[in-house]
PDB file of N, CA and C in Angstrom:
ATOM      1  N   MET A   1      89.841 100.576 120.634  1.00  0.00           N
ATOM      2  CA  MET A   1      88.542 100.002 120.182  1.00  0.00           C
ATOM      3  C   MET A   1      87.802 101.098 119.316  1.00  0.00           C
ATOM      4  N   PHE A   2      87.821 102.263 119.642  1.00  0.00           N
ATOM      5  CA  PHE A   2      87.088 103.261 118.712  1.00  0.00           C
ATOM      6  C   PHE A   2      87.704 103.356 117.407  1.00  0.00           C
ATOM      7  N   ARG A   3      89.116 103.276 117.269  1.00  0.00           N
ATOM      8  CA  ARG A   3      89.894 103.476 116.081  1.00  0.00           C
ATOM      9  C   ARG A   3      89.721 102.303 115.254  1.00  0.00           C
ATOM     10  N   SER A   4      89.639 100.943 115.784  1.00  0.00           N
ATOM     11  CA  SER A   4      89.409  99.859 114.993  1.00  0.00           C
ATOM     12  C   SER A   4      87.884  99.755 114.423  1.00  0.00           C
ATOM     13  N   PHE A   5      86.981 100.301 115.256  1.00  0.00           N
ATOM     14  CA  PHE A   5      85.591 100.277 114.849  1.00  0.00           C
ATOM     15  C   PHE A   5      85.585 101.333 113.717  1.00  0.00           C
ATOM     16  N   THR A   6      86.077 102.446 113.882  1.00  0.00           N
ATOM     17  CA  THR A   6      86.163 103.477 112.793  1.00  0.00           C
ATOM     18  C   THR A   6      86.698 102.982 111.551  1.00  0.00           C
ATOM     19  N   ALA A   7      87.894 102.166 111.556  1.00  0.00           N
ATOM     20  CA  ALA A   7      88.607 101.680 110.413  1.00  0.00           C
ATOM     21  C   ALA A   7      87.847 100.720 109.755  1.00  0.00           C
ATOM     22  N   MET A   8      87.114  99.844 110.525  1.00  0.00           N
ATOM     23  CA  MET A   8      86.185  98.906 110.003  1.00  0.00           C
ATOM     24  C   MET A   8      84.959  99.480 109.384  1.00  0.00           C
ATOM     25  N   PHE A   9      84.320 100.567 109.728  1.00  0.00           N
ATOM     26  CA  PHE A   9      83.359 101.181 109.275  1.00  0.00           C
ATOM     27  C   PHE A   9      83.637 101.840 107.887  1.00  0.00           C
ATOM     28  N   LEU A  10      84.718 102.593 107.957  1.00  0.00           N
ATOM     29  CA  LEU A  10      85.181 103.167 106.610  1.00  0.00           C
ATOM     30  C   LEU A  10      85.441 102.199 105.536  1.00  0.00           C
ATOM     31  N   LEU A  11      86.293 100.979 105.913  1.00  0.00           N
ATOM     32  CA  LEU A  11      86.460 100.031 104.910  1.00  0.00           C
ATOM     33  C   LEU A  11      85.195  99.404 104.439  1.00  0.00           C
ATOM     34  N   THR A  12      84.219  99.197 105.254  1.00  0.00           N
ATOM     35  CA  THR A  12      82.705  98.666 104.828  1.00  0.00           C
ATOM     36  C   THR A  12      82.084  99.717 103.787  1.00  0.00           C
ATOM     37  N   MET A  13      82.292 100.921 104.148  1.00  0.00           N
ATOM     38  CA  MET A  13      81.713 101.816 103.296  1.00  0.00           C
ATOM     39  C   MET A  13      82.286 101.958 101.916  1.00  0.00           C
ATOM     40  N   ILE A  14      83.576 101.757 101.926  1.00  0.00           N
ATOM     41  CA  ILE A  14      84.476 101.933 100.632  1.00  0.00           C
ATOM     42  C   ILE A  14      83.985 100.724  99.668  1.00  0.00           C
ATOM     43  N   LEU A  15      83.967  99.514 100.308  1.00  0.00           N
ATOM     44  CA  LEU A  15      83.734  98.248  99.703  1.00  0.00           C
ATOM     45  C   LEU A  15      82.103  98.276  99.106  1.00  0.00           C
ATOM     46  N   LEU A  16      81.221  98.908 100.024  1.00  0.00           N
ATOM     47  CA  LEU A  16      79.814  98.936  99.650  1.00  0.00           C
ATOM     48  C   LEU A  16      79.687  99.822  98.283  1.00  0.00           C
ATOM     49  N   THR A  17      80.338 101.045  98.069  1.00  0.00           N
ATOM     50  CA  THR A  17      80.317 101.920  97.080  1.00  0.00           C
ATOM     51  C   THR A  17      81.016 101.015  95.640  1.00  0.00           C
ATOM     52  N   GLN A  18      82.027 100.385  95.977  1.00  0.00           N
ATOM     53  CA  GLN A  18      82.780  99.586  94.759  1.00  0.00           C
ATOM     54  C   GLN A  18      81.828  98.429  94.314  1.00  0.00           C
ATOM     55  N   PHE A  19      81.051  97.827  95.144  1.00  0.00           N
ATOM     56  CA  PHE A  19      80.463  96.646  94.611  1.00  0.00           C
ATOM     57  C   PHE A  19      78.967  96.968  94.716  1.00  0.00           C
ATOM     58  N   SER A  20      78.469  98.052  94.194  1.00  0.00           N
ATOM     59  CA  SER A  20      77.131  98.279  94.135  1.00  0.00           C
ATOM     60  C   SER A  20      76.361  97.310  93.000  1.00  0.00           C
ATOM     61  N   ARG A  21      77.022  97.005  91.959  1.00  0.00           N
ATOM     62  CA  ARG A  21      76.385  96.120  91.167  1.00  0.00           C
ATOM     63  C   ARG A  21      76.216  94.746  91.362  1.00  0.00           C
ATOM     64  N   VAL A  22      77.151  94.215  92.365  1.00  0.00           N
ATOM     65  CA  VAL A  22      77.136  92.881  92.995  1.00  0.00           C
ATOM     66  C   VAL A  22      75.937  92.932  93.918  1.00  0.00           C
ATOM     67  N   PHE A  23      75.453  93.963  94.554  1.00  0.00           N
ATOM     68  CA  PHE A  23      74.548  94.056  95.462  1.00  0.00           C
ATOM     69  C   PHE A  23      73.297  93.935  94.724  1.00  0.00           C
ATOM     70  N   ILE A  24      73.104  94.845  93.524  1.00  0.00           N
ATOM     71  CA  ILE A  24      71.953  94.614  92.701  1.00  0.00           C
ATOM     72  C   ILE A  24      71.670  93.418  92.151  1.00  0.00           C
ATOM     73  N   TYR A  25      72.642  92.843  91.731  1.00  0.00           N
ATOM     74  CA  TYR A  25      72.454  91.312  91.229  1.00  0.00           C
ATOM     75  C   TYR A  25      72.027  90.266  92.423  1.00  0.00           C
ATOM     76  N   ALA A  26      72.677  90.496  93.417  1.00  0.00           N
ATOM     77  CA  ALA A  26      72.352  89.563  94.559  1.00  0.00           C
ATOM     78  C   ALA A  26      70.770  89.985  95.162  1.00  0.00           C
ATOM     79  N   GLY A  27      70.379  91.165  95.069  1.00  0.00           N
ATOM     80  CA  GLY A  27      69.003  91.578  95.542  1.00  0.00           C
ATOM     81  C   GLY A  27      68.126  90.864  94.370  1.00  0.00           C
ATOM     82  N   PHE A  28      68.358  90.939  93.212  1.00  0.00           N
ATOM     83  CA  PHE A  28      67.517  90.483  92.082  1.00  0.00           C
ATOM     84  C   PHE A  28      67.365  88.948  92.227  1.00  0.00           C
ATOM     85  N   GLU A  29      68.587  88.345  92.438  1.00  0.00           N
ATOM     86  CA  GLU A  29      68.390  86.805  92.566  1.00  0.00           C
ATOM     87  C   GLU A  29      67.671  86.415  93.834  1.00  0.00           C
ATOM     88  N   LEU A  30      67.808  87.085  94.990  1.00  0.00           N
ATOM     89  CA  LEU A  30      67.068  86.844  96.171  1.00  0.00           C
ATOM     90  C   LEU A  30      65.557  87.044  96.075  1.00  0.00           C
ATOM     91  N   ASN A  31      65.179  87.993  95.182  1.00  0.00           N
ATOM     92  CA  ASN A  31      63.825  88.508  95.073  1.00  0.00           C
ATOM     93  C   ASN A  31      63.275  88.318  93.721  1.00  0.00           C
ATOM     94  N   GLN A  32      63.748  87.374  92.919  1.00  0.00           N
ATOM     95  CA  GLN A  32      63.403  87.345  91.516  1.00  0.00           C
ATOM     96  C   GLN A  32      61.926  86.981  91.447  1.00  0.00           C
ATOM     97  N   GLN A  33      61.330  86.140  92.238  1.00  0.00           N
ATOM     98  CA  GLN A  33      59.912  85.774  92.091  1.00  0.00           C
ATOM     99  C   GLN A  33      58.979  86.936  92.367  1.00  0.00           C
ATOM    100  N   TYR A  34      59.368  87.741  93.253  1.00  0.00           N
ATOM    101  CA  TYR A  34      58.646  88.868  93.607  1.00  0.00           C
ATOM    102  C   TYR A  34      58.792  89.935  92.598  1.00  0.00           C
ATOM    103  N   ILE A  35      59.934  90.217  92.184  1.00  0.00           N
ATOM    104  CA  ILE A  35      60.094  91.129  90.949  1.00  0.00           C
ATOM    105  C   ILE A  35      59.375  90.654  89.707  1.00  0.00           C
ATOM    106  N   ALA A  36      59.328  89.447  89.462  1.00  0.00           N
ATOM    107  CA  ALA A  36      58.560  89.031  88.185  1.00  0.00           C
ATOM    108  C   ALA A  36      57.383  89.151  88.386  1.00  0.00           C
ATOM    109  N   ASN A  37      56.722  88.816  89.482  1.00  0.00           N
ATOM    110  CA  ASN A  37      55.141  88.912  89.738  1.00  0.00           C
ATOM    111  C   ASN A  37      54.598  90.551  89.974  1.00  0.00           C
ATOM    112  N   THR A  38      55.588  91.189  90.536  1.00  0.00           N
ATOM    113  CA  THR A  38      54.830  92.494  90.792  1.00  0.00           C
ATOM    114  C   THR A  38      55.430  93.687  90.292  1.00  0.00           C
ATOM    115  N   LEU A  39      56.858  93.774  89.925  1.00  0.00           N
ATOM    116  CA  LEU A  39      57.639  94.882  89.496  1.00  0.00           C
ATOM    117  C   LEU A  39      58.073  94.844  88.028  1.00  0.00           C
ATOM    118  N   CYS A  40      57.894  93.712  87.424  1.00  0.00           N
ATOM    119  CA  CYS A  40      58.315  93.564  85.965  1.00  0.00           C
ATOM    120  C   CYS A  40      57.252  94.260  85.223  1.00  0.00           C
ATOM    121  N   GLU A  41      57.860  94.879  84.018  1.00  0.00           N
ATOM    122  CA  GLU A  41      57.038  95.763  83.111  1.00  0.00           C
ATOM    123  C   GLU A  41      56.367  94.612  82.209  1.00  0.00           C
ATOM    124  N   ASN A  42      56.893  93.422  81.772  1.00  0.00           N
ATOM    125  CA  ASN A  42      56.293  92.547  81.017  1.00  0.00           C
ATOM    126  C   ASN A  42      55.495  91.370  81.922  1.00  0.00           C
ATOM    127  N   ARG A  43      55.003  91.667  82.996  1.00  0.00           N
ATOM    128  CA  ARG A  43      54.396  90.570  83.734  1.00  0.00           C
ATOM    129  C   ARG A  43      53.237  90.070  83.042  1.00  0.00           C
ATOM    130  N   ASP A  44      52.599  90.895  82.202  1.00  0.00           N
ATOM    131  CA  ASP A  44      51.211  90.594  81.492  1.00  0.00           C
ATOM    132  C   ASP A  44      51.526  89.704  80.212  1.00  0.00           C
ATOM    133  N   LYS A  45      52.747  89.624  79.957  1.00  0.00           N
ATOM    134  CA  LYS A  45      53.383  88.814  78.678  1.00  0.00           C
ATOM    135  C   LYS A  45      54.160  87.682  79.050  1.00  0.00           C
ATOM    136  N   PRO A  46      53.513  86.649  79.512  1.00  0.00           N
ATOM    137  CA  PRO A  46      54.388  85.511  80.041  1.00  0.00           C
ATOM    138  C   PRO A  46      55.170  84.938  78.862  1.00  0.00           C
ATOM    139  N   GLU A  47      54.665  85.043  77.629  1.00  0.00           N
ATOM    140  CA  GLU A  47      55.273  84.279  76.481  1.00  0.00           C
ATOM    141  C   GLU A  47      56.895  84.929  76.213  1.00  0.00           C
ATOM    142  N   MET A  48      57.178  86.128  76.815  1.00  0.00           N
ATOM    143  CA  MET A  48      58.438  86.839  76.615  1.00  0.00           C
ATOM    144  C   MET A  48      59.533  86.303  77.645  1.00  0.00           C
ATOM    145  N   HIS A  49      58.986  85.477  78.689  1.00  0.00           N
ATOM    146  CA  HIS A  49      59.813  84.865  79.591  1.00  0.00           C
ATOM    147  C   HIS A  49      60.887  85.995  80.018  1.00  0.00           C
ATOM    148  N   CYS A  50      60.461  87.065  80.442  1.00  0.00           N
ATOM    149  CA  CYS A  50      61.316  88.017  80.933  1.00  0.00           C
ATOM    150  C   CYS A  50      61.820  87.681  82.493  1.00  0.00           C
ATOM    151  N   ASN A  51      60.768  87.459  83.114  1.00  0.00           N
ATOM    152  CA  ASN A  51      61.097  86.972  84.547  1.00  0.00           C
ATOM    153  C   ASN A  51      61.822  88.152  85.318  1.00  0.00           C
ATOM    154  N   GLY A  52      61.583  89.280  85.117  1.00  0.00           N
ATOM    155  CA  GLY A  52      62.115  90.360  85.901  1.00  0.00           C
ATOM    156  C   GLY A  52      63.299  90.911  85.286  1.00  0.00           C
ATOM    157  N   LYS A  53      63.789  90.410  84.207  1.00  0.00           N
ATOM    158  CA  LYS A  53      65.125  91.055  83.690  1.00  0.00           C
ATOM    159  C   LYS A  53      65.035  92.329  83.377  1.00  0.00           C
ATOM    160  N   CYS A  54      64.048  92.708  82.942  1.00  0.00           N
ATOM    161  CA  CYS A  54      63.799  94.245  82.436  1.00  0.00           C
ATOM    162  C   CYS A  54      63.916  95.112  83.755  1.00  0.00           C
ATOM    163  N   TYR A  55      63.454  94.637  84.934  1.00  0.00           N
ATOM    164  CA  TYR A  55      63.661  95.410  86.087  1.00  0.00           C
ATOM    165  C   TYR A  55      65.290  95.534  86.478  1.00  0.00           C
ATOM    166  N   LEU A  56      65.720  94.340  86.305  1.00  0.00           N
ATOM    167  CA  LEU A  56      67.323  94.373  86.618  1.00  0.00           C
ATOM    168  C   LEU A  56      67.932  95.319  85.665  1.00  0.00           C
ATOM    169  N   THR A  57      67.646  95.225  84.322  1.00  0.00           N
ATOM    170  CA  THR A  57      68.360  95.979  83.373  1.00  0.00           C
ATOM    171  C   THR A  57      68.235  97.462  83.783  1.00  0.00           C
ATOM    172  N   ASN A  58      67.089  97.972  84.161  1.00  0.00           N
ATOM    173  CA  ASN A  58      66.659  99.311  84.612  1.00  0.00           C
ATOM    174  C   ASN A  58      67.437  99.704  85.768  1.00  0.00           C
ATOM    175  N   LYS A  59      67.476  98.885  86.814  1.00  0.00           N
ATOM    176  CA  LYS A  59      68.365  99.142  87.962  1.00  0.00           C
ATOM    177  C   LYS A  59      69.842  99.295  87.710  1.00  0.00           C
ATOM    178  N   LEU A  60      70.254  98.264  86.871  1.00  0.00           N
ATOM    179  CA  LEU A  60      71.717  98.446  86.370  1.00  0.00           C
ATOM    180  C   LEU A  60      72.002  99.758  85.774  1.00  0.00           C
ATOM    181  N   ARG A  61      71.210 100.229  84.768  1.00  0.00           N
ATOM    182  CA  ARG A  61      71.250 101.417  84.220  1.00  0.00           C
ATOM    183  C   ARG A  61      71.099 102.760  85.050  1.00  0.00           C
ATOM    184  N   GLN A  62      70.374 102.542  86.088  1.00  0.00           N
ATOM    185  CA  GLN A  62      70.272 103.775  86.945  1.00  0.00           C
ATOM    186  C   GLN A  62      71.436 103.773  87.797  1.00  0.00           C
ATOM    187  N   ALA A  63      72.090 102.587  88.179  1.00  0.00           N
ATOM    188  CA  ALA A  63      73.279 102.656  88.944  1.00  0.00           C
ATOM    189  C   ALA A  63      74.429 103.363  88.183  1.00  0.00           C
ATOM    190  N   GLU A  64      74.701 102.894  86.771  1.00  0.00           N
ATOM    191  CA  GLU A  64      75.634 103.329  86.176  1.00  0.00           C
ATOM    192  C   GLU A  64      75.292 104.692  85.904  1.00  0.00           C
ATOM    193  N   GLU A  65      74.197 105.410  85.687  1.00  0.00           N
ATOM    194  CA  GLU A  65      73.972 106.776  85.704  1.00  0.00           C
ATOM    195  C   GLU A  65      74.331 107.513  86.819  1.00  0.00           C
ATOM    196  N   LYS A  66      74.042 106.900  87.927  1.00  0.00           N
ATOM    197  CA  LYS A  66      74.493 107.721  89.112  1.00  0.00           C
ATOM    198  C   LYS A  66      75.852 107.644  89.354  1.00  0.00           C
ATOM    199  N   GLU A  67      76.720 106.509  88.930  1.00  0.00           N
ATOM    200  CA  GLU A  67      78.033 106.611  89.147  1.00  0.00           C
ATOM    201  C   GLU A  67      78.619 107.647  88.166  1.00  0.00           C
ATOM    202  N   LYS A  68      78.000 107.796  86.976  1.00  0.00           N
ATOM    203  CA  LYS A  68      78.623 108.697  85.960  1.00  0.00           C
ATOM    204  C   LYS A  68      78.455 110.155  86.739  1.00  0.00           C
ATOM    205  N   ARG A  69      77.286 110.561  87.119  1.00  0.00           N
ATOM    206  CA  ARG A  69      77.013 111.790  87.750  1.00  0.00           C
ATOM    207  C   ARG A  69      77.789 112.090  88.733  1.00  0.00           C
ATOM    208  N   GLN A  70      77.979 111.104  89.672  1.00  0.00           N
ATOM    209  CA  GLN A  70      78.959 111.468  90.728  1.00  0.00           C
ATOM    210  C   GLN A  70      80.423 111.664  90.236  1.00  0.00           C
ATOM    211  N   GLU A  71      80.829 111.031  89.166  1.00  0.00           N
ATOM    212  CA  GLU A  71      82.227 111.077  88.469  1.00  0.00           C
ATOM    213  C   GLU A  71      82.201 112.624  88.031  1.00  0.00           C
ATOM    214  N   ARG A  72      81.299 112.984  87.385  1.00  0.00           N
ATOM    215  CA  ARG A  72      81.300 114.416  86.818  1.00  0.00           C
ATOM    216  C   ARG A  72      81.359 115.480  87.744  1.00  0.00           C
ATOM    217  N   GLU A  73      80.508 115.111  88.850  1.00  0.00           N
ATOM    218  CA  GLU A  73      80.618 116.127  89.863  1.00  0.00           C
ATOM    219  C   GLU A  73      81.837 116.160  90.597  1.00  0.00           C
ATOM    220  N   ALA A  74      82.487 115.053  90.779  1.00  0.00           N
ATOM    221  CA  ALA A  74      83.886 114.950  91.399  1.00  0.00           C
ATOM    222  C   ALA A  74      84.932 115.829  90.454  1.00  0.00           C
ATOM    223  N   GLN A  75      84.706 115.591  89.122  1.00  0.00           N
ATOM    224  CA  GLN A  75      85.637 116.306  88.284  1.00  0.00           C
ATOM    225  C   GLN A  75      85.479 117.793  88.284  1.00  0.00           C
ATOM    226  N   LYS A  76      84.158 118.071  88.285  1.00  0.00           N
ATOM    227  CA  LYS A  76      83.776 119.609  88.408  1.00  0.00           C
ATOM    228  C   LYS A  76      84.322 120.182  89.684  1.00  0.00           C
ATOM    229  N   LYS A  77      84.170 119.493  90.773  1.00  0.00           N
ATOM    230  CA  LYS A  77      84.577 119.984  91.957  1.00  0.00           C
ATOM    231  C   LYS A  77      86.195 120.114  92.042  1.00  0.00           C
ATOM    232  N   ASN A  78      86.808 119.153  91.471  1.00  0.00           N
ATOM    233  CA  ASN A  78      88.372 119.147  91.402  1.00  0.00           C
ATOM    234  C   ASN A  78      88.838 120.252  90.414  1.00  0.00           C
ATOM    235  N   ALA A  79      88.124 120.472  89.170  1.00  0.00           N
ATOM    236  CA  ALA A  79      88.405 121.556  88.453  1.00  0.00           C
ATOM    237  C   ALA A  79      88.236 122.945  89.057  1.00  0.00           C
ATOM    238  N   GLY A  80      87.318 122.962  89.887  1.00  0.00           N
ATOM    239  CA  GLY A  80      87.079 124.348  90.584  1.00  0.00           C
ATOM    240  C   GLY A  80      88.138 124.623  91.692  1.00  0.00           C
ATOM    241  N   ASP A  81      88.452 123.444  92.178  1.00  0.00           N
ATOM    242  CA  ASP A  81      89.590 123.424  93.410  1.00  0.00           C
ATOM    243  C   ASP A  81      90.914 124.005  92.603  1.00  0.00           C
ATOM    244  N   SER A  82      91.102 123.325  91.506  1.00  0.00           N
ATOM    245  CA  SER A  82      92.576 123.788  90.963  1.00  0.00           C
ATOM    246  C   SER A  82      92.437 125.329  90.401  1.00  0.00           C
ATOM    247  N   PHE A  83      91.105 125.750  90.001  1.00  0.00           N
ATOM    248  CA  PHE A  83      91.134 127.177  89.440  1.00  0.00           C
ATOM    249  C   PHE A  83      91.365 128.092  90.683  1.00  0.00           C
ATOM    250  N   PHE A  84      90.880 127.875  91.828  1.00  0.00           N
ATOM    251  CA  PHE A  84      91.317 128.629  92.940  1.00  0.00           C
ATOM    252  C   PHE A  84      92.730 128.590  93.325  1.00  0.00           C
ATOM    253  N   MET A  85      93.356 127.326  93.097  1.00  0.00           N
ATOM    254  CA  MET A  85      94.836 127.402  93.607  1.00  0.00           C
ATOM    255  C   MET A  85      95.553 128.163  92.553  1.00  0.00           C
ATOM    256  N   LYS A  86      95.222 128.124  91.299  1.00  0.00           N
ATOM    257  CA  LYS A  86      95.881 129.033  90.518  1.00  0.00           C
ATOM    258  C   LYS A  86      95.650 130.442  90.203  1.00  0.00           C
ATOM    259  N   SER A  87      94.666 130.817  90.992  1.00  0.00           N
ATOM    260  CA  SER A  87      94.311 132.322  90.922  1.00  0.00           C
ATOM    261  C   SER A  87      95.217 133.167  91.529  1.00  0.00           C
ATOM    262  N   ASN A  88      95.389 134.297  91.080  1.00  0.00           N
ATOM    263  CA  ASN A  88      96.458 135.417  91.734  1.00  0.00           C
ATOM    264  C   ASN A  88      95.837 135.972  93.055  1.00  0.00           C
ATOM    265  N   VAL A  89      96.603 136.150  93.884  1.00  0.00           N
ATOM    266  CA  VAL A  89      96.311 136.869  95.165  1.00  0.00           C
ATOM    267  C   VAL A  89      96.904 138.019  95.474  1.00  0.00           C
ATOM    268  N   LEU A  90      96.176 139.124  95.866  1.00  0.00           N
ATOM    269  CA  LEU A  90      96.746 140.368  96.107  1.00  0.00           C
ATOM    270  C   LEU A  90      96.702 140.484  97.780  1.00  0.00           C
ATOM    271  N   LEU A  91      98.013 140.479  98.116  1.00  0.00           N
ATOM    272  CA  LEU A  91      98.347 140.680  99.496  1.00  0.00           C
ATOM    273  C   LEU A  91      98.360 142.225  99.763  1.00  0.00           C
ATOM    274  N   VAL A  92      97.830 142.616 100.870  1.00  0.00           N
ATOM    275  CA  VAL A  92      97.917 144.052 101.152  1.00  0.00           C
ATOM    276  C   VAL A  92      98.452 144.019 102.537  1.00  0.00           C
ATOM    277  N   PHE A  93      99.547 144.767 102.741  1.00  0.00           N
ATOM    278  CA  PHE A  93     100.346 144.963 104.048  1.00  0.00           C
ATOM    279  C   PHE A  93     100.166 146.419 104.505  1.00  0.00           C
ATOM    280  N   PRO A  94     100.403 146.677 105.735  1.00  0.00           N
ATOM    281  CA  PRO A  94     100.289 148.191 106.180  1.00  0.00           C
ATOM    282  C   PRO A  94     101.714 148.635 105.777  1.00  0.00           C
ATOM    283  N   ALA A  95     101.762 149.854 105.630  1.00  0.00           N
ATOM    284  CA  ALA A  95     103.040 150.629 105.138  1.00  0.00           C
ATOM    285  C   ALA A  95     104.277 150.431 106.052  1.00  0.00           C
ATOM    286  N   TRP A  96     103.952 150.288 107.532  1.00  0.00           N
ATOM    287  CA  TRP A  96     105.136 150.059 108.467  1.00  0.00           C
ATOM    288  C   TRP A  96     105.658 148.925 108.382  1.00  0.00           C
ATOM    289  N   PHE A  97     104.955 147.940 107.791  1.00  0.00           N
ATOM    290  CA  PHE A  97     105.298 146.479 107.825  1.00  0.00           C
ATOM    291  C   PHE A  97     106.444 146.317 106.511  1.00  0.00           C
ATOM    292  N   ILE A  98     106.272 146.952 105.387  1.00  0.00           N
ATOM    293  CA  ILE A  98     107.244 146.769 104.350  1.00  0.00           C
ATOM    294  C   ILE A  98     108.318 147.698 104.526  1.00  0.00           C
ATOM    295  N   ARG A  99     109.565 147.007 104.249  1.00  0.00           N
ATOM    296  CA  ARG A  99     110.799 147.799 104.488  1.00  0.00           C
ATOM    297  C   ARG A  99     111.305 148.068 103.093  1.00  0.00           C
ATOM    298  N   THR A 100     111.696 149.291 102.805  1.00  0.00           N
ATOM    299  CA  THR A 100     112.037 149.820 101.546  1.00  0.00           C
ATOM    300  C   THR A 100     113.432 150.227 101.609  1.00  0.00           C
ATOM    301  N   ASP A 101     114.304 149.696 100.833  1.00  0.00           N
ATOM    302  CA  ASP A 101     115.788 150.039 100.833  1.00  0.00           C
ATOM    303  C   ASP A 101     116.061 150.877  99.422  1.00  0.00           C
ATOM    304  N   PHE A 102     116.428 152.021  99.403  1.00  0.00           N
ATOM    305  CA  PHE A 102     116.774 152.695  98.289  1.00  0.00           C
ATOM    306  C   PHE A 102     118.133 152.744  97.972  1.00  0.00           C
ATOM    307  N   SER A 103     118.620 152.270  96.781  1.00  0.00           N
ATOM    308  CA  SER A 103     119.984 152.254  96.310  1.00  0.00           C
ATOM    309  C   SER A 103     120.057 153.130  95.177  1.00  0.00           C
ATOM    310  N   LYS A 104     121.201 153.669  95.018  1.00  0.00           N
ATOM    311  CA  LYS A 104     121.530 154.695  93.992  1.00  0.00           C
ATOM    312  C   LYS A 104     121.844 153.853  92.713  1.00  0.00           C
ATOM    313  N   GLU A 105     121.967 152.584  92.883  1.00  0.00           N
ATOM    314  CA  GLU A 105     122.194 151.618  91.722  1.00  0.00           C
ATOM    315  C   GLU A 105     120.776 151.240  91.051  1.00  0.00           C
ATOM    316  N   ARG A 106     120.877 151.345  89.827  1.00  0.00           N
ATOM    317  CA  ARG A 106     119.634 150.774  89.122  1.00  0.00           C
ATOM    318  C   ARG A 106     119.777 149.250  88.808  1.00  0.00           C
ATOM    319  N   PRO A 107     118.421 148.878  88.928  1.00  0.00           N
ATOM    320  CA  PRO A 107     118.278 147.260  88.875  1.00  0.00           C
ATOM    321  C   PRO A 107     118.891 146.878  87.541  1.00  0.00           C
ATOM    322  N   PHE A 108     119.419 145.677  87.589  1.00  0.00           N
ATOM    323  CA  PHE A 108     120.109 145.018  86.275  1.00  0.00           C
ATOM    324  C   PHE A 108     121.174 145.877  85.597  1.00  0.00           C
ATOM    325  N   HIS A 109     121.717 146.802  86.283  1.00  0.00           N
ATOM    326  CA  HIS A 109     122.746 147.533  85.511  1.00  0.00           C
ATOM    327  C   HIS A 109     124.105 147.296  86.369  1.00  0.00           C
ATOM    328  N   LEU A 110     125.289 147.428  85.702  1.00  0.00           N
ATOM    329  CA  LEU A 110     126.440 147.239  86.703  1.00  0.00           C
ATOM    330  C   LEU A 110     126.392 148.584  87.495  1.00  0.00           C
ATOM    331  N   PRO A 111     127.148 148.411  88.661  1.00  0.00           N
ATOM    332  CA  PRO A 111     127.312 149.685  89.373  1.00  0.00           C
ATOM    333  C   PRO A 111     128.146 150.739  88.728  1.00  0.00           C
ATOM    334  N   GLU A 112     127.911 151.780  89.111  1.00  0.00           N
ATOM    335  CA  GLU A 112     128.823 153.157  88.613  1.00  0.00           C
ATOM    336  C   GLU A 112     130.237 152.853  89.006  1.00  0.00           C
ATOM    337  N   SER A 113     130.991 153.354  88.257  1.00  0.00           N
ATOM    338  CA  SER A 113     132.372 153.112  88.580  1.00  0.00           C
ATOM    339  C   SER A 113     132.945 154.134  89.596  1.00  0.00           C
ATOM    340  N   THR A 114     133.743 153.924  90.533  1.00  0.00           N
ATOM    341  CA  THR A 114     134.283 154.759  91.532  1.00  0.00           C
ATOM    342  C   THR A 114     135.597 155.167  91.168  1.00  0.00           C
ATOM    343  N   THR A 115     136.086 156.367  91.764  1.00  0.00           N
ATOM    344  CA  THR A 115     137.389 156.917  91.404  1.00  0.00           C
ATOM    345  C   THR A 115     138.513 156.379  92.225  1.00  0.00           C
ATOM    346  N   GLU A 116     138.014 155.623  93.152  1.00  0.00           N
ATOM    347  CA  GLU A 116     139.193 155.049  94.128  1.00  0.00           C
ATOM    348  C   GLU A 116     139.856 153.938  93.471  1.00  0.00           C
ATOM    349  N   ILE A 117     141.048 153.572  93.623  1.00  0.00           N
ATOM    350  CA  ILE A 117     141.768 152.285  93.358  1.00  0.00           C
ATOM    351  C   ILE A 117     142.070 151.576  94.659  1.00  0.00           C
ATOM    352  N   LEU A 118     141.425 150.364  94.506  1.00  0.00           N
ATOM    353  CA  LEU A 118     141.729 149.564  95.562  1.00  0.00           C
ATOM    354  C   LEU A 118     142.985 148.781  95.653  1.00  0.00           C
ATOM    355  N   HIS A 119     143.672 148.842  96.778  1.00  0.00           N
ATOM    356  CA  HIS A 119     144.921 148.213  96.930  1.00  0.00           C
ATOM    357  C   HIS A 119     144.882 147.257  97.963  1.00  0.00           C
ATOM    358  N   PRO A 120     145.667 146.182  97.839  1.00  0.00           N
ATOM    359  CA  PRO A 120     145.619 145.158  99.028  1.00  0.00           C
ATOM    360  C   PRO A 120     146.137 145.681 100.184  1.00  0.00           C
ATOM    361  N   PRO A 121     145.743 145.072 101.363  1.00  0.00           N
ATOM    362  CA  PRO A 121     146.325 145.413 102.598  1.00  0.00           C
ATOM    363  C   PRO A 121     147.941 145.327 102.609  1.00  0.00           C
ATOM    364  N   PRO A 122     148.716 146.292 103.388  1.00  0.00           N
ATOM    365  CA  PRO A 122     150.108 146.041 103.363  1.00  0.00           C
ATOM    366  C   PRO A 122     150.638 144.892 104.191  1.00  0.00           C
ATOM    367  N   ALA A 123     151.543 144.095 103.718  1.00  0.00           N
ATOM    368  CA  ALA A 123     151.975 143.010 104.375  1.00  0.00           C
ATOM    369  C   ALA A 123     152.918 143.401 105.551  1.00  0.00           C
ATOM    370  N   VAL A 124     153.078 142.672 106.444  1.00  0.00           N
ATOM    371  CA  VAL A 124     153.842 143.018 107.723  1.00  0.00           C
ATOM    372  C   VAL A 124     154.570 141.726 107.835  1.00  0.00           C
ATOM    373  N   PHE A 125     155.953 142.103 107.782  1.00  0.00           N
ATOM    374  CA  PHE A 125     156.860 140.951 107.973  1.00  0.00           C
ATOM    375  C   PHE A 125     157.360 140.932 109.300  1.00  0.00           C
ATOM    376  N   PHE A 126     157.698 139.760 109.849  1.00  0.00           N
ATOM    377  CA  PHE A 126     158.248 139.643 111.405  1.00  0.00           C
ATOM    378  C   PHE A 126     159.452 138.993 111.086  1.00  0.00           C
ATOM    379  N   ILE A 127     160.486 139.620 111.593  1.00  0.00           N
ATOM    380  CA  ILE A 127     161.909 138.970 111.562  1.00  0.00           C
ATOM    381  C   ILE A 127     162.131 138.347 113.024  1.00  0.00           C
ATOM    382  N   PRO A 128     162.326 137.094 113.089  1.00  0.00           N
ATOM    383  CA  PRO A 128     162.535 136.550 114.412  1.00  0.00           C
ATOM    384  C   PRO A 128     163.747 137.019 114.997  1.00  0.00           C
ATOM    385  N   ALA A 129     163.926 137.111 116.241  1.00  0.00           N
ATOM    386  CA  ALA A 129     164.956 137.770 116.737  1.00  0.00           C
ATOM    387  C   ALA A 129     165.902 136.539 117.437  1.00  0.00           C
TER     388      ALA A 129
END
């Protein structure tokens, strides 16, 4: 029950953010008379036949600016995250934790030649009796 409620809540929130313009248009259509009479910038000029469209335009512009601002902030955040992931990290270990092996061979050089000649092991023959 709790999982399904959580899933429906998250799905609703995602849809609300995606359809913000639809809600602005719907709110304008439902309240157009009120907007035209009280909130419209051109309510004193009835010959313009604005009917609140200036208010709708302002709201849509504000919503678009808000979306762009959020997108820029998200890009900045992602750029900052990738910066920290690419940075060099200095790890400090105690001396007893690090194992050091010293070799008389130098790195990236062939080993020094030895004076011994390697022979294969002697073969032992069995004669069946």
